[in-house]
């Protein structure tokens, strides 16, 4: 049960961190620091995103101690890709196209095949 919660926490913190970093960097009026050379704006929202993303890194490190890398890496990349794709469509009105859906299905098929024959 703890391992399942660690996976869920990793997926949620990674996805939420990325979404908040993007949201925070778009809020130019709330920027507490601007890095013009990188075209990046740091706000409280993006700081929260960095914090959650950092927590996801710690959870990933915990998962690394319990699972083979050949299992963990494809699973985390596959599930995170789906969550980030959905977040982009929901929060940023990014285009939903047939090519993107097919690409995601190919990624998930690859993850399934890798873990099916391990």
PDB file of N, CA and C in Angstrom:
ATOM      1  N   UNK A   1       0.827  -1.202   0.000  1.00  0.00           N
ATOM      2  CA  UNK A   1       0.000   0.000   0.000  1.00  0.00           C
ATOM      3  C   UNK A   1       0.867   1.259   0.000  1.00  0.00           C
ATOM      4  N   UNK A   2       1.939   1.238   0.772  1.00  0.00           N
ATOM      5  CA  UNK A   2       2.846   2.389   0.827  1.00  0.00           C
ATOM      6  C   UNK A   2       3.452   2.656  -0.546  1.00  0.00           C
ATOM      7  N   UNK A   3       3.834   1.574  -1.256  1.00  0.00           N
ATOM      8  CA  UNK A   3       4.425   1.758  -2.581  1.00  0.00           C
ATOM      9  C   UNK A   3       3.432   2.388  -3.549  1.00  0.00           C
ATOM     10  N   UNK A   4       2.176   1.977  -3.486  1.00  0.00           N
ATOM     11  CA  UNK A   4       1.153   2.554  -4.353  1.00  0.00           C
ATOM     12  C   UNK A   4       0.978   4.046  -4.054  1.00  0.00           C
ATOM     13  N   UNK A   5       0.953   4.397  -2.780  1.00  0.00           N
ATOM     14  CA  UNK A   5       0.839   5.808  -2.399  1.00  0.00           C
ATOM     15  C   UNK A   5       2.057   6.605  -2.849  1.00  0.00           C
ATOM     16  N   UNK A   6       3.225   5.989  -2.820  1.00  0.00           N
ATOM     17  CA  UNK A   6       4.437   6.658  -3.279  1.00  0.00           C
ATOM     18  C   UNK A   6       4.351   6.925  -4.778  1.00  0.00           C
ATOM     19  N   UNK A   7       3.880   5.943  -5.547  1.00  0.00           N
ATOM     20  CA  UNK A   7       3.683   6.136  -6.980  1.00  0.00           C
ATOM     21  C   UNK A   7       2.679   7.254  -7.249  1.00  0.00           C
ATOM     22  N   UNK A   8       1.544   7.204  -6.571  1.00  0.00           N
ATOM     23  CA  UNK A   8       0.500   8.209  -6.779  1.00  0.00           C
ATOM     24  C   UNK A   8       1.022   9.598  -6.416  1.00  0.00           C
ATOM     25  N   UNK A   9       1.710   9.699  -5.290  1.00  0.00           N
ATOM     26  CA  UNK A   9       2.301  10.973  -4.890  1.00  0.00           C
ATOM     27  C   UNK A   9       3.289  11.481  -5.927  1.00  0.00           C
ATOM     28  N   UNK A  10       4.133  10.578  -6.431  1.00  0.00           N
ATOM     29  CA  UNK A  10       5.090  10.971  -7.462  1.00  0.00           C
ATOM     30  C   UNK A  10       4.369  11.532  -8.678  1.00  0.00           C
ATOM     31  N   UNK A  11       3.357  10.808  -9.166  1.00  0.00           N
ATOM     32  CA  UNK A  11       2.642  11.259 -10.360  1.00  0.00           C
ATOM     33  C   UNK A  11       1.943  12.600 -10.130  1.00  0.00           C
ATOM     34  N   UNK A  12       1.295  12.749  -8.983  1.00  0.00           N
ATOM     35  CA  UNK A  12       0.583  13.995  -8.699  1.00  0.00           C
ATOM     36  C   UNK A  12       1.541  15.163  -8.512  1.00  0.00           C
ATOM     37  N   UNK A  13       2.610  14.970  -7.745  1.00  0.00           N
ATOM     38  CA  UNK A  13       3.555  16.057  -7.501  1.00  0.00           C
ATOM     39  C   UNK A  13       4.303  16.455  -8.770  1.00  0.00           C
ATOM     40  N   UNK A  14       4.660  15.475  -9.597  1.00  0.00           N
ATOM     41  CA  UNK A  14       5.349  15.792 -10.851  1.00  0.00           C
ATOM     42  C   UNK A  14       4.437  16.606 -11.760  1.00  0.00           C
ATOM     43  N   UNK A  15       3.230  16.133 -11.954  1.00  0.00           N
ATOM     44  CA  UNK A  15       2.293  16.816 -12.852  1.00  0.00           C
ATOM     45  C   UNK A  15       1.912  18.195 -12.326  1.00  0.00           C
ATOM     46  N   UNK A  16       1.558  18.263 -11.054  1.00  0.00           N
ATOM     47  CA  UNK A  16       1.172  19.547 -10.467  1.00  0.00           C
ATOM     48  C   UNK A  16       2.348  20.518 -10.487  1.00  0.00           C
ATOM     49  N   UNK A  17       3.543  20.012 -10.214  1.00  0.00           N
ATOM     50  CA  UNK A  17       4.728  20.874 -10.242  1.00  0.00           C
ATOM     51  C   UNK A  17       4.935  21.488 -11.607  1.00  0.00           C
ATOM     52  N   UNK A  18       4.848  20.686 -12.654  1.00  0.00           N
ATOM     53  CA  UNK A  18       5.038  21.204 -14.012  1.00  0.00           C
ATOM     54  C   UNK A  18       3.966  22.212 -14.388  1.00  0.00           C
ATOM     55  N   UNK A  19       2.728  21.918 -14.041  1.00  0.00           N
ATOM     56  CA  UNK A  19       1.623  22.838 -14.357  1.00  0.00           C
ATOM     57  C   UNK A  19       1.815  24.158 -13.620  1.00  0.00           C
ATOM     58  N   UNK A  20       2.159  24.105 -12.345  1.00  0.00           N
ATOM     59  CA  UNK A  20       2.329  25.331 -11.565  1.00  0.00           C
ATOM     60  C   UNK A  20       3.532  26.141 -12.024  1.00  0.00           C
ATOM     61  N   UNK A  21       4.604  25.474 -12.418  1.00  0.00           N
ATOM     62  CA  UNK A  21       5.768  26.199 -12.945  1.00  0.00           C
ATOM     63  C   UNK A  21       5.362  26.963 -14.200  1.00  0.00           C
ATOM     64  N   UNK A  22       4.625  26.315 -15.083  1.00  0.00           N
ATOM     65  CA  UNK A  22       4.180  26.978 -16.318  1.00  0.00           C
ATOM     66  C   UNK A  22       3.204  28.113 -16.006  1.00  0.00           C
ATOM     67  N   UNK A  23       2.230  27.848 -15.138  1.00  0.00           N
ATOM     68  CA  UNK A  23       1.272  28.898 -14.769  1.00  0.00           C
ATOM     69  C   UNK A  23       1.976  30.093 -14.138  1.00  0.00           C
ATOM     70  N   UNK A  24       2.892  29.807 -13.238  1.00  0.00           N
ATOM     71  CA  UNK A  24       3.601  30.885 -12.542  1.00  0.00           C
ATOM     72  C   UNK A  24       4.502  31.685 -13.455  1.00  0.00           C
ATOM     73  N   UNK A  25       5.076  31.048 -14.449  1.00  0.00           N
ATOM     74  CA  UNK A  25       5.963  31.774 -15.354  1.00  0.00           C
ATOM     75  C   UNK A  25       5.188  32.620 -16.359  1.00  0.00           C
ATOM     76  N   UNK A  26       3.890  32.366 -16.505  1.00  0.00           N
ATOM     77  CA  UNK A  26       3.060  33.157 -17.415  1.00  0.00           C
ATOM     78  C   UNK A  26       2.475  34.388 -16.733  1.00  0.00           C
ATOM     79  N   UNK A  27       2.508  34.417 -15.413  1.00  0.00           N
ATOM     80  CA  UNK A  27       1.914  35.531 -14.671  1.00  0.00           C
ATOM     81  C   UNK A  27       2.956  36.633 -14.484  1.00  0.00           C
ATOM     82  N   UNK A  28       3.171  37.427 -15.528  1.00  0.00           N
ATOM     83  CA  UNK A  28       4.242  38.428 -15.486  1.00  0.00           C
ATOM     84  C   UNK A  28       3.980  39.524 -14.455  1.00  0.00           C
ATOM     85  N   UNK A  29       2.722  39.821 -14.175  1.00  0.00           N
ATOM     86  CA  UNK A  29       2.418  40.869 -13.197  1.00  0.00           C
ATOM     87  C   UNK A  29       2.689  40.416 -11.759  1.00  0.00           C
ATOM     88  N   UNK A  30       2.787  39.131 -11.526  1.00  0.00           N
ATOM     89  CA  UNK A  30       3.057  38.605 -10.189  1.00  0.00           C
ATOM     90  C   UNK A  30       4.503  38.142 -10.016  1.00  0.00           C
ATOM     91  N   UNK A  31       5.364  38.459 -10.966  1.00  0.00           N
ATOM     92  CA  UNK A  31       6.743  37.965 -10.931  1.00  0.00           C
ATOM     93  C   UNK A  31       7.505  38.615  -9.778  1.00  0.00           C
ATOM     94  N   UNK A  32       8.213  37.765  -9.011  1.00  0.00           N
ATOM     95  CA  UNK A  32       9.083  38.294  -7.960  1.00  0.00           C
ATOM     96  C   UNK A  32      10.529  38.351  -8.445  1.00  0.00           C
ATOM     97  N   UNK A  33      10.788  37.647  -9.559  1.00  0.00           N
ATOM     98  CA  UNK A  33      12.116  37.664 -10.178  1.00  0.00           C
ATOM     99  C   UNK A  33      11.929  37.358 -11.657  1.00  0.00           C
ATOM    100  N   UNK A  34      12.608  38.126 -12.494  1.00  0.00           N
ATOM    101  CA  UNK A  34      12.536  37.902 -13.928  1.00  0.00           C
ATOM    102  C   UNK A  34      13.938  37.644 -14.454  1.00  0.00           C
ATOM    103  N   UNK A  35      14.059  36.605 -15.268  1.00  0.00           N
ATOM    104  CA  UNK A  35      15.325  36.282 -15.912  1.00  0.00           C
ATOM    105  C   UNK A  35      15.143  36.487 -17.419  1.00  0.00           C
ATOM    106  N   UNK A  36      15.407  37.708 -17.896  1.00  0.00           N
ATOM    107  CA  UNK A  36      15.128  38.009 -19.302  1.00  0.00           C
ATOM    108  C   UNK A  36      15.933  37.143 -20.276  1.00  0.00           C
ATOM    109  N   UNK A  37      17.133  36.796 -19.904  1.00  0.00           N
ATOM    110  CA  UNK A  37      17.973  35.999 -20.803  1.00  0.00           C
ATOM    111  C   UNK A  37      17.362  34.621 -21.071  1.00  0.00           C
ATOM    112  N   UNK A  38      16.591  34.106 -20.111  1.00  0.00           N
ATOM    113  CA  UNK A  38      15.908  32.824 -20.261  1.00  0.00           C
ATOM    114  C   UNK A  38      14.429  32.996 -20.572  1.00  0.00           C
ATOM    115  N   UNK A  39      13.959  34.246 -20.609  1.00  0.00           N
ATOM    116  CA  UNK A  39      12.543  34.546 -20.792  1.00  0.00           C
ATOM    117  C   UNK A  39      11.700  33.794 -19.763  1.00  0.00           C
ATOM    118  N   UNK A  40      12.121  33.900 -18.484  1.00  0.00           N
ATOM    119  CA  UNK A  40      11.463  33.195 -17.394  1.00  0.00           C
ATOM    120  C   UNK A  40      11.094  34.176 -16.293  1.00  0.00           C
ATOM    121  N   UNK A  41       9.886  34.015 -15.782  1.00  0.00           N
ATOM    122  CA  UNK A  41       9.407  34.832 -14.671  1.00  0.00           C
ATOM    123  C   UNK A  41       9.110  33.924 -13.490  1.00  0.00           C
ATOM    124  N   UNK A  42       9.671  34.259 -12.353  1.00  0.00           N
ATOM    125  CA  UNK A  42       9.483  33.464 -11.146  1.00  0.00           C
ATOM    126  C   UNK A  42       8.443  34.145 -10.269  1.00  0.00           C
ATOM    127  N   UNK A  43       7.418  33.382  -9.901  1.00  0.00           N
ATOM    128  CA  UNK A  43       6.368  33.903  -9.033  1.00  0.00           C
ATOM    129  C   UNK A  43       6.166  32.929  -7.875  1.00  0.00           C
ATOM    130  N   UNK A  44       5.283  33.293  -6.979  1.00  0.00           N
ATOM    131  CA  UNK A  44       4.959  32.409  -5.855  1.00  0.00           C
ATOM    132  C   UNK A  44       4.387  31.091  -6.382  1.00  0.00           C
ATOM    133  N   UNK A  45       3.567  31.163  -7.423  1.00  0.00           N
ATOM    134  CA  UNK A  45       2.967  29.961  -8.002  1.00  0.00           C
ATOM    135  C   UNK A  45       4.057  29.046  -8.570  1.00  0.00           C
ATOM    136  N   UNK A  46       5.015  29.626  -9.300  1.00  0.00           N
ATOM    137  CA  UNK A  46       6.078  28.789  -9.861  1.00  0.00           C
ATOM    138  C   UNK A  46       6.995  28.251  -8.760  1.00  0.00           C
ATOM    139  N   UNK A  47       7.184  29.017  -7.685  1.00  0.00           N
ATOM    140  CA  UNK A  47       7.962  28.500  -6.551  1.00  0.00           C
ATOM    141  C   UNK A  47       7.278  27.283  -5.935  1.00  0.00           C
ATOM    142  N   UNK A  48       5.957  27.334  -5.807  1.00  0.00           N
ATOM    143  CA  UNK A  48       5.210  26.178  -5.308  1.00  0.00           C
ATOM    144  C   UNK A  48       5.378  24.999  -6.259  1.00  0.00           C
ATOM    145  N   UNK A  49       5.375  25.279  -7.557  1.00  0.00           N
ATOM    146  CA  UNK A  49       5.608  24.235  -8.547  1.00  0.00           C
ATOM    147  C   UNK A  49       6.976  23.591  -8.388  1.00  0.00           C
ATOM    148  N   UNK A  50       8.010  24.421  -8.179  1.00  0.00           N
ATOM    149  CA  UNK A  50       9.357  23.882  -7.967  1.00  0.00           C
ATOM    150  C   UNK A  50       9.417  23.033  -6.690  1.00  0.00           C
ATOM    151  N   UNK A  51       8.702  23.471  -5.653  1.00  0.00           N
ATOM    152  CA  UNK A  51       8.668  22.715  -4.403  1.00  0.00           C
ATOM    153  C   UNK A  51       8.033  21.334  -4.625  1.00  0.00           C
ATOM    154  N   UNK A  52       6.882  21.298  -5.304  1.00  0.00           N
ATOM    155  CA  UNK A  52       6.211  20.019  -5.563  1.00  0.00           C
ATOM    156  C   UNK A  52       7.058  19.128  -6.466  1.00  0.00           C
ATOM    157  N   UNK A  53       7.695  19.736  -7.456  1.00  0.00           N
ATOM    158  CA  UNK A  53       8.554  18.960  -8.354  1.00  0.00           C
ATOM    159  C   UNK A  53       9.738  18.380  -7.583  1.00  0.00           C
ATOM    160  N   UNK A  54      10.255  19.149  -6.626  1.00  0.00           N
ATOM    161  CA  UNK A  54      11.329  18.651  -5.762  1.00  0.00           C
ATOM    162  C   UNK A  54      10.869  17.484  -4.905  1.00  0.00           C
ATOM    163  N   UNK A  55       9.653  17.576  -4.377  1.00  0.00           N
ATOM    164  CA  UNK A  55       9.098  16.463  -3.597  1.00  0.00           C
ATOM    165  C   UNK A  55       8.951  15.218  -4.477  1.00  0.00           C
ATOM    166  N   UNK A  56       8.550  15.425  -5.739  1.00  0.00           N
ATOM    167  CA  UNK A  56       8.412  14.276  -6.638  1.00  0.00           C
ATOM    168  C   UNK A  56       9.763  13.615  -6.883  1.00  0.00           C
ATOM    169  N   UNK A  57      10.821  14.412  -6.922  1.00  0.00           N
ATOM    170  CA  UNK A  57      12.169  13.860  -7.073  1.00  0.00           C
ATOM    171  C   UNK A  57      12.518  12.970  -5.882  1.00  0.00           C
ATOM    172  N   UNK A  58      12.167  13.401  -4.682  1.00  0.00           N
ATOM    173  CA  UNK A  58      12.437  12.594  -3.483  1.00  0.00           C
ATOM    174  C   UNK A  58      11.631  11.294  -3.510  1.00  0.00           C
ATOM    175  N   UNK A  59      10.392  11.363  -3.956  1.00  0.00           N
ATOM    176  CA  UNK A  59       9.581  10.147  -4.064  1.00  0.00           C
ATOM    177  C   UNK A  59      10.151   9.210  -5.127  1.00  0.00           C
ATOM    178  N   UNK A  60      10.643   9.792  -6.228  1.00  0.00           N
ATOM    179  CA  UNK A  60      11.256   8.970  -7.277  1.00  0.00           C
ATOM    180  C   UNK A  60      12.501   8.274  -6.737  1.00  0.00           C
ATOM    181  N   UNK A  61      13.289   8.990  -5.973  1.00  0.00           N
ATOM    182  CA  UNK A  61      14.483   8.381  -5.373  1.00  0.00           C
ATOM    183  C   UNK A  61      14.095   7.231  -4.449  1.00  0.00           C
ATOM    184  N   UNK A  62      13.003   7.389  -3.729  1.00  0.00           N
ATOM    185  CA  UNK A  62      12.500   6.304  -2.869  1.00  0.00           C
ATOM    186  C   UNK A  62      12.083   5.108  -3.708  1.00  0.00           C
ATOM    187  N   UNK A  63      11.381   5.367  -4.810  1.00  0.00           N
ATOM    188  CA  UNK A  63      10.954   4.285  -5.691  1.00  0.00           C
ATOM    189  C   UNK A  63      12.151   3.568  -6.316  1.00  0.00           C
ATOM    190  N   UNK A  64      13.210   4.313  -6.598  1.00  0.00           N
ATOM    191  CA  UNK A  64      14.415   3.711  -7.174  1.00  0.00           C
ATOM    192  C   UNK A  64      15.026   2.652  -6.261  1.00  0.00           C
ATOM    193  N   UNK A  65      14.858   2.811  -4.976  1.00  0.00           N
ATOM    194  CA  UNK A  65      15.420   1.835  -4.038  1.00  0.00           C
ATOM    195  C   UNK A  65      14.601   0.543  -3.987  1.00  0.00           C
ATOM    196  N   UNK A  66      13.362   0.595  -4.507  1.00  0.00           N
ATOM    197  CA  UNK A  66      12.469  -0.552  -4.393  1.00  0.00           C
ATOM    198  C   UNK A  66      12.205  -1.289  -5.704  1.00  0.00           C
ATOM    199  N   UNK A  67      12.445  -0.626  -6.835  1.00  0.00           N
ATOM    200  CA  UNK A  67      12.090  -1.211  -8.130  1.00  0.00           C
ATOM    201  C   UNK A  67      13.276  -1.166  -9.086  1.00  0.00           C
ATOM    202  N   UNK A  68      13.272  -2.096 -10.036  1.00  0.00           N
ATOM    203  CA  UNK A  68      14.280  -2.085 -11.090  1.00  0.00           C
ATOM    204  C   UNK A  68      14.104  -0.835 -11.943  1.00  0.00           C
ATOM    205  N   UNK A  69      15.202  -0.273 -12.370  1.00  0.00           N
ATOM    206  CA  UNK A  69      15.156   0.913 -13.213  1.00  0.00           C
ATOM    207  C   UNK A  69      14.475   0.621 -14.549  1.00  0.00           C
ATOM    208  N   UNK A  70      14.646  -0.594 -15.056  1.00  0.00           N
ATOM    209  CA  UNK A  70      14.025  -0.962 -16.330  1.00  0.00           C
ATOM    210  C   UNK A  70      12.501  -1.046 -16.230  1.00  0.00           C
ATOM    211  N   UNK A  71      11.975  -1.182 -15.028  1.00  0.00           N
ATOM    212  CA  UNK A  71      10.529  -1.124 -14.802  1.00  0.00           C
ATOM    213  C   UNK A  71      10.102   0.308 -14.493  1.00  0.00           C
ATOM    214  N   UNK A  72      10.819   0.937 -13.575  1.00  0.00           N
ATOM    215  CA  UNK A  72      10.401   2.228 -13.033  1.00  0.00           C
ATOM    216  C   UNK A  72      10.420   3.343 -14.068  1.00  0.00           C
ATOM    217  N   UNK A  73      11.485   3.439 -14.819  1.00  0.00           N
ATOM    218  CA  UNK A  73      11.612   4.553 -15.759  1.00  0.00           C
ATOM    219  C   UNK A  73      10.512   4.557 -16.824  1.00  0.00           C
ATOM    220  N   UNK A  74      10.258   3.458 -17.528  1.00  0.00           N
ATOM    221  CA  UNK A  74       9.178   3.506 -18.529  1.00  0.00           C
ATOM    222  C   UNK A  74       7.800   3.784 -17.923  1.00  0.00           C
ATOM    223  N   UNK A  75       7.523   3.205 -16.769  1.00  0.00           N
ATOM    224  CA  UNK A  75       6.211   3.414 -16.144  1.00  0.00           C
ATOM    225  C   UNK A  75       6.025   4.876 -15.748  1.00  0.00           C
ATOM    226  N   UNK A  76       7.016   5.446 -15.091  1.00  0.00           N
ATOM    227  CA  UNK A  76       6.870   6.837 -14.645  1.00  0.00           C
ATOM    228  C   UNK A  76       6.808   7.800 -15.827  1.00  0.00           C
ATOM    229  N   UNK A  77       7.601   7.560 -16.850  1.00  0.00           N
ATOM    230  CA  UNK A  77       7.568   8.436 -18.024  1.00  0.00           C
ATOM    231  C   UNK A  77       6.223   8.301 -18.745  1.00  0.00           C
ATOM    232  N   UNK A  78       5.738   7.078 -18.897  1.00  0.00           N
ATOM    233  CA  UNK A  78       4.467   6.860 -19.584  1.00  0.00           C
ATOM    234  C   UNK A  78       3.293   7.509 -18.876  1.00  0.00           C
ATOM    235  N   UNK A  79       3.157   7.243 -17.583  1.00  0.00           N
ATOM    236  CA  UNK A  79       2.020   7.797 -16.831  1.00  0.00           C
ATOM    237  C   UNK A  79       2.135   9.310 -16.728  1.00  0.00           C
ATOM    238  N   UNK A  80       3.336   9.811 -16.485  1.00  0.00           N
ATOM    239  CA  UNK A  80       3.531  11.257 -16.399  1.00  0.00           C
ATOM    240  C   UNK A  80       3.212  11.919 -17.734  1.00  0.00           C
ATOM    241  N   UNK A  81       3.568  11.292 -18.838  1.00  0.00           N
ATOM    242  CA  UNK A  81       3.258  11.849 -20.160  1.00  0.00           C
ATOM    243  C   UNK A  81       1.751  12.004 -20.349  1.00  0.00           C
ATOM    244  N   UNK A  82       1.005  11.003 -19.939  1.00  0.00           N
ATOM    245  CA  UNK A  82      -0.458  11.074 -20.061  1.00  0.00           C
ATOM    246  C   UNK A  82      -1.017  12.189 -19.177  1.00  0.00           C
ATOM    247  N   UNK A  83      -0.546  12.282 -17.948  1.00  0.00           N
ATOM    248  CA  UNK A  83      -1.047  13.311 -17.031  1.00  0.00           C
ATOM    249  C   UNK A  83      -0.700  14.720 -17.505  1.00  0.00           C
ATOM    250  N   UNK A  84       0.503  14.902 -18.010  1.00  0.00           N
ATOM    251  CA  UNK A  84       0.909  16.219 -18.502  1.00  0.00           C
ATOM    252  C   UNK A  84       0.120  16.575 -19.765  1.00  0.00           C
ATOM    253  N   UNK A  85      -0.090  15.586 -20.638  1.00  0.00           N
ATOM    254  CA  UNK A  85      -0.901  15.815 -21.834  1.00  0.00           C
ATOM    255  C   UNK A  85      -2.301  16.285 -21.436  1.00  0.00           C
ATOM    256  N   UNK A  86      -2.924  15.565 -20.503  1.00  0.00           N
ATOM    257  CA  UNK A  86      -4.272  15.935 -20.050  1.00  0.00           C
ATOM    258  C   UNK A  86      -4.271  17.309 -19.390  1.00  0.00           C
ATOM    259  N   UNK A  87      -3.246  17.596 -18.609  1.00  0.00           N
ATOM    260  CA  UNK A  87      -3.144  18.908 -17.955  1.00  0.00           C
ATOM    261  C   UNK A  87      -3.015  20.031 -18.972  1.00  0.00           C
ATOM    262  N   UNK A  88      -2.239  19.799 -20.027  1.00  0.00           N
ATOM    263  CA  UNK A  88      -2.076  20.808 -21.072  1.00  0.00           C
ATOM    264  C   UNK A  88      -3.395  21.116 -21.759  1.00  0.00           C
ATOM    265  N   UNK A  89      -4.170  20.086 -22.011  1.00  0.00           N
ATOM    266  CA  UNK A  89      -5.475  20.274 -22.657  1.00  0.00           C
ATOM    267  C   UNK A  89      -6.436  20.984 -21.711  1.00  0.00           C
ATOM    268  N   UNK A  90      -6.457  20.574 -20.445  1.00  0.00           N
ATOM    269  CA  UNK A  90      -7.414  21.121 -19.477  1.00  0.00           C
ATOM    270  C   UNK A  90      -7.054  22.538 -19.036  1.00  0.00           C
ATOM    271  N   UNK A  91      -5.797  22.757 -18.630  1.00  0.00           N
ATOM    272  CA  UNK A  91      -5.411  24.035 -18.022  1.00  0.00           C
ATOM    273  C   UNK A  91      -4.914  25.078 -19.019  1.00  0.00           C
ATOM    274  N   UNK A  92      -4.382  24.640 -20.144  1.00  0.00           N
ATOM    275  CA  UNK A  92      -3.782  25.588 -21.077  1.00  0.00           C
ATOM    276  C   UNK A  92      -4.451  25.594 -22.450  1.00  0.00           C
ATOM    277  N   UNK A  93      -5.572  24.895 -22.563  1.00  0.00           N
ATOM    278  CA  UNK A  93      -6.327  24.827 -23.815  1.00  0.00           C
ATOM    279  C   UNK A  93      -5.455  24.432 -25.002  1.00  0.00           C
ATOM    280  N   UNK A  94      -4.519  23.526 -24.767  1.00  0.00           N
ATOM    281  CA  UNK A  94      -3.674  23.048 -25.852  1.00  0.00           C
ATOM    282  C   UNK A  94      -4.499  22.152 -26.766  1.00  0.00           C
ATOM    283  N   UNK A  95      -4.111  22.142 -28.020  1.00  0.00           N
ATOM    284  CA  UNK A  95      -4.882  21.416 -29.026  1.00  0.00           C
ATOM    285  C   UNK A  95      -4.849  19.909 -28.787  1.00  0.00           C
ATOM    286  N   UNK A  96      -5.987  19.302 -28.974  1.00  0.00           N
ATOM    287  CA  UNK A  96      -6.130  17.854 -28.885  1.00  0.00           C
ATOM    288  C   UNK A  96      -6.278  17.340 -30.314  1.00  0.00           C
ATOM    289  N   UNK A  97      -5.269  16.610 -30.778  1.00  0.00           N
ATOM    290  CA  UNK A  97      -5.321  16.123 -32.156  1.00  0.00           C
ATOM    291  C   UNK A  97      -5.193  14.600 -32.178  1.00  0.00           C
ATOM    292  N   UNK A  98      -5.591  14.045 -33.291  1.00  0.00           N
ATOM    293  CA  UNK A  98      -5.512  12.598 -33.466  1.00  0.00           C
ATOM    294  C   UNK A  98      -4.056  12.122 -33.392  1.00  0.00           C
ATOM    295  N   UNK A  99      -3.138  12.880 -33.969  1.00  0.00           N
ATOM    296  CA  UNK A  99      -1.715  12.507 -33.942  1.00  0.00           C
ATOM    297  C   UNK A  99      -1.203  12.454 -32.503  1.00  0.00           C
ATOM    298  N   UNK A 100      -1.577  13.424 -31.682  1.00  0.00           N
ATOM    299  CA  UNK A 100      -1.138  13.435 -30.281  1.00  0.00           C
ATOM    300  C   UNK A 100      -1.702  12.229 -29.518  1.00  0.00           C
ATOM    301  N   UNK A 101      -2.960  11.916 -29.772  1.00  0.00           N
ATOM    302  CA  UNK A 101      -3.585  10.777 -29.092  1.00  0.00           C
ATOM    303  C   UNK A 101      -2.918   9.474 -29.520  1.00  0.00           C
ATOM    304  N   UNK A 102      -2.672   9.320 -30.815  1.00  0.00           N
ATOM    305  CA  UNK A 102      -1.992   8.115 -31.311  1.00  0.00           C
ATOM    306  C   UNK A 102      -0.587   8.018 -30.714  1.00  0.00           C
ATOM    307  N   UNK A 103       0.103   9.146 -30.631  1.00  0.00           N
ATOM    308  CA  UNK A 103       1.454   9.155 -30.056  1.00  0.00           C
ATOM    309  C   UNK A 103       1.442   8.711 -28.598  1.00  0.00           C
ATOM    310  N   UNK A 104       0.469   9.212 -27.837  1.00  0.00           N
ATOM    311  CA  UNK A 104       0.352   8.799 -26.436  1.00  0.00           C
ATOM    312  C   UNK A 104       0.048   7.311 -26.324  1.00  0.00           C
ATOM    313  N   UNK A 105      -0.808   6.820 -27.182  1.00  0.00           N
ATOM    314  CA  UNK A 105      -1.128   5.395 -27.172  1.00  0.00           C
ATOM    315  C   UNK A 105       0.098   4.550 -27.514  1.00  0.00           C
ATOM    316  N   UNK A 106       0.935   5.041 -28.417  1.00  0.00           N
ATOM    317  CA  UNK A 106       2.178   4.333 -28.737  1.00  0.00           C
ATOM    318  C   UNK A 106       3.127   4.305 -27.547  1.00  0.00           C
ATOM    319  N   UNK A 107       3.221   5.419 -26.836  1.00  0.00           N
ATOM    320  CA  UNK A 107       4.066   5.467 -25.634  1.00  0.00           C
ATOM    321  C   UNK A 107       3.569   4.452 -24.612  1.00  0.00           C
ATOM    322  N   UNK A 108       2.259   4.459 -24.366  1.00  0.00           N
ATOM    323  CA  UNK A 108       1.690   3.540 -23.376  1.00  0.00           C
ATOM    324  C   UNK A 108       1.818   2.083 -23.826  1.00  0.00           C
ATOM    325  N   UNK A 109       1.696   1.843 -25.129  1.00  0.00           N
ATOM    326  CA  UNK A 109       1.889   0.480 -25.651  1.00  0.00           C
ATOM    327  C   UNK A 109       3.321   0.020 -25.417  1.00  0.00           C
ATOM    328  N   UNK A 110       4.273   0.911 -25.632  1.00  0.00           N
ATOM    329  CA  UNK A 110       5.677   0.580 -25.389  1.00  0.00           C
ATOM    330  C   UNK A 110       5.935   0.252 -23.927  1.00  0.00           C
ATOM    331  N   UNK A 111       5.355   1.044 -23.030  1.00  0.00           N
ATOM    332  CA  UNK A 111       5.499   0.774 -21.593  1.00  0.00           C
ATOM    333  C   UNK A 111       4.910  -0.581 -21.248  1.00  0.00           C
ATOM    334  N   UNK A 112       3.743  -0.866 -21.798  1.00  0.00           N
ATOM    335  CA  UNK A 112       3.093  -2.149 -21.543  1.00  0.00           C
ATOM    336  C   UNK A 112       3.944  -3.309 -22.062  1.00  0.00           C
ATOM    337  N   UNK A 113       4.450  -3.186 -23.270  1.00  0.00           N
ATOM    338  CA  UNK A 113       5.258  -4.255 -23.855  1.00  0.00           C
ATOM    339  C   UNK A 113       6.571  -4.484 -23.095  1.00  0.00           C
ATOM    340  N   UNK A 114       7.200  -3.388 -22.677  1.00  0.00           N
ATOM    341  CA  UNK A 114       8.449  -3.504 -21.910  1.00  0.00           C
ATOM    342  C   UNK A 114       8.204  -4.300 -20.625  1.00  0.00           C
ATOM    343  N   UNK A 115       7.100  -3.994 -19.945  1.00  0.00           N
ATOM    344  CA  UNK A 115       6.837  -4.623 -18.654  1.00  0.00           C
ATOM    345  C   UNK A 115       6.133  -5.962 -18.767  1.00  0.00           C
ATOM    346  N   UNK A 116       5.544  -6.232 -19.916  1.00  0.00           N
ATOM    347  CA  UNK A 116       4.881  -7.513 -20.121  1.00  0.00           C
ATOM    348  C   UNK A 116       5.878  -8.660 -20.231  1.00  0.00           C
ATOM    349  N   UNK A 117       7.013  -8.375 -20.816  1.00  0.00           N
ATOM    350  CA  UNK A 117       8.010  -9.413 -21.064  1.00  0.00           C
ATOM    351  C   UNK A 117       9.254  -9.280 -20.199  1.00  0.00           C
ATOM    352  N   UNK A 118       9.144  -8.732 -19.029  1.00  0.00           N
ATOM    353  CA  UNK A 118      10.336  -8.582 -18.168  1.00  0.00           C
ATOM    354  C   UNK A 118      10.524  -9.740 -17.249  1.00  0.00           C
TER     355      UNK A 118
END
